[in-house]
Amino acid sequence: MIRTCDPSVSAFVSHVVPIPECCPVSKNPRPGSTVRVSYLPKNIVVPVEVLEERVRGYVGGFESIRGMEEVIQDVARWCAKETGVRVRAVADLIIQPPYGGPEQTMRVSARASV
């Protein structure tokens, strides 16, 4: 599904979607983790439900992508390709360290353009 917007009116779009537990071993990221995708659309807007479906596709690994840093880079690349504009993806992650200890927060940011 593609959504359009009037390119003659300046707009800023920012979607925030939850990131589910992607790794079956570490159970990371933890509940409450999100990714925000922001851009200045020319005429194409990524439907938030399509973005959420794309993010859910990383559960268990997506192609050769396994690390959260690569996931966020791929989200930014994919959104840039879909919209034809520069995109910034920022993830706020809650991570349980692999060797124990308290949960940690991690922010990953990526920019991509076509």
Protein backbone atom coordinates (compact mmCIF):
# COMPACT_ATOMS: atom_id res chain seq x y z
CA MET A 1 0.00 0.00 0.00
CA ILE A 2 1.34 3.41 -0.93
CA ARG A 3 0.03 6.62 0.57
CA THR A 4 0.57 9.98 -1.01
CA CYS A 5 0.58 13.51 0.29
CA ASP A 6 0.38 16.89 -1.43
CA PRO A 7 3.98 17.80 -2.40
CA SER A 8 3.09 21.50 -2.61
CA VAL A 9 2.60 21.66 1.17
CA SER A 10 5.68 21.29 3.39
CA ALA A 11 5.31 18.37 5.77
CA PHE A 12 7.29 16.43 8.34
CA VAL A 13 6.42 12.79 9.01
CA SER A 14 7.50 10.83 12.05
CA HIS A 15 6.31 7.28 12.74
CA VAL A 16 6.99 5.45 15.99
CA VAL A 17 6.46 1.70 16.09
CA PRO A 18 7.32 -0.91 18.74
CA ILE A 19 10.20 -3.28 18.14
CA PRO A 20 9.32 -6.81 19.21
CA GLU A 21 11.72 -9.30 20.74
CA CYS A 22 13.85 -10.22 17.72
CA CYS A 23 16.50 -12.57 19.09
CA PRO A 24 15.26 -15.99 20.23
CA VAL A 25 18.42 -16.51 22.31
CA SER A 26 18.92 -13.20 24.16
CA LYS A 27 15.23 -12.20 24.03
CA ASN A 28 16.37 -8.71 22.98
CA PRO A 29 15.23 -6.10 22.52
CA ARG A 30 12.98 -6.02 25.56
CA PRO A 31 9.38 -4.76 25.69
CA GLY A 32 9.16 -0.98 25.44
CA SER A 33 11.74 -0.72 22.64
CA THR A 34 10.71 1.51 19.72
CA VAL A 35 11.95 2.82 16.40
CA ARG A 36 11.10 6.30 15.09
CA VAL A 37 11.35 6.98 11.36
CA SER A 38 11.34 10.64 10.33
CA TYR A 39 11.46 12.37 6.96
CA LEU A 40 10.28 15.30 4.85
CA PRO A 41 8.04 13.64 2.24
CA LYS A 42 7.94 14.77 -1.36
CA ASN A 43 4.77 12.87 -2.20
CA ILE A 44 5.07 9.32 -0.80
CA VAL A 45 4.38 8.42 2.83
CA VAL A 46 5.15 5.01 4.31
CA PRO A 47 1.96 3.66 5.91
CA VAL A 48 2.64 3.05 9.60
CA GLU A 49 1.07 -0.42 9.43
CA VAL A 50 3.48 -1.40 6.63
CA LEU A 51 6.41 -0.08 8.66
CA GLU A 52 5.26 -2.05 11.70
CA GLU A 53 4.94 -5.20 9.57
CA ARG A 54 8.47 -4.64 8.22
CA VAL A 55 9.86 -4.26 11.75
CA ARG A 56 8.09 -7.47 12.88
CA GLY A 57 9.84 -9.21 9.98
CA TYR A 58 13.17 -9.00 11.84
CA VAL A 59 11.99 -11.44 14.52
CA GLY A 60 14.36 -14.40 14.48
CA GLY A 61 16.66 -12.74 11.91
CA PHE A 62 15.91 -11.25 8.49
CA GLU A 63 18.07 -12.54 5.63
CA SER A 64 21.62 -11.99 6.94
CA ILE A 65 20.64 -9.18 9.35
CA ARG A 66 20.89 -10.10 13.02
CA GLY A 67 22.24 -7.17 15.06
CA MET A 68 19.95 -4.32 16.13
CA GLU A 69 22.37 -1.79 14.61
CA GLU A 70 21.96 -3.47 11.22
CA VAL A 71 18.19 -3.70 11.69
CA ILE A 72 17.91 0.06 12.19
CA GLN A 73 20.19 0.73 9.21
CA ASP A 74 18.02 -1.55 7.08
CA VAL A 75 14.82 0.17 8.26
CA ALA A 76 16.29 3.55 7.27
CA ARG A 77 17.41 2.21 3.86
CA TRP A 78 14.06 0.57 3.18
CA CYS A 79 12.08 3.71 4.11
CA ALA A 80 14.35 5.89 1.96
CA LYS A 81 13.80 3.58 -0.98
CA GLU A 82 10.03 3.58 -0.44
CA THR A 83 9.72 7.36 -0.08
CA GLY A 84 12.51 8.58 -2.36
CA VAL A 85 13.78 10.99 0.31
CA ARG A 86 16.39 11.07 3.06
CA VAL A 87 15.20 9.21 6.17
CA ARG A 88 16.41 9.08 9.74
CA ALA A 89 15.64 6.04 11.89
CA VAL A 90 16.23 6.24 15.64
CA ALA A 91 15.70 3.24 17.88
CA ASP A 92 15.39 3.42 21.64
CA LEU A 93 16.18 -0.09 22.79
CA ILE A 94 15.95 -1.83 26.13
CA ILE A 95 18.58 -4.56 26.20
CA GLN A 96 19.32 -7.35 28.66
CA PRO A 97 23.11 -7.85 28.63
CA PRO A 98 24.11 -11.40 27.63
CA TYR A 99 26.12 -11.96 30.78
CA GLY A 100 23.51 -10.72 33.25
CA GLY A 101 23.19 -7.52 35.17
CA PRO A 102 20.54 -4.84 34.97
CA GLU A 103 18.77 -3.95 31.75
CA GLN A 104 20.44 -1.25 29.71
CA THR A 105 19.14 1.30 27.25
CA MET A 106 20.70 1.82 23.88
CA ARG A 107 19.97 4.36 21.15
CA VAL A 108 20.81 3.53 17.56
CA SER A 109 20.46 6.14 14.83
CA ALA A 110 20.87 5.70 11.06
CA ARG A 111 20.33 7.95 8.05
CA ALA A 112 19.75 6.77 4.54
CA SER A 113 18.92 8.32 1.21
CA VAL A 114 18.30 7.03 -2.28
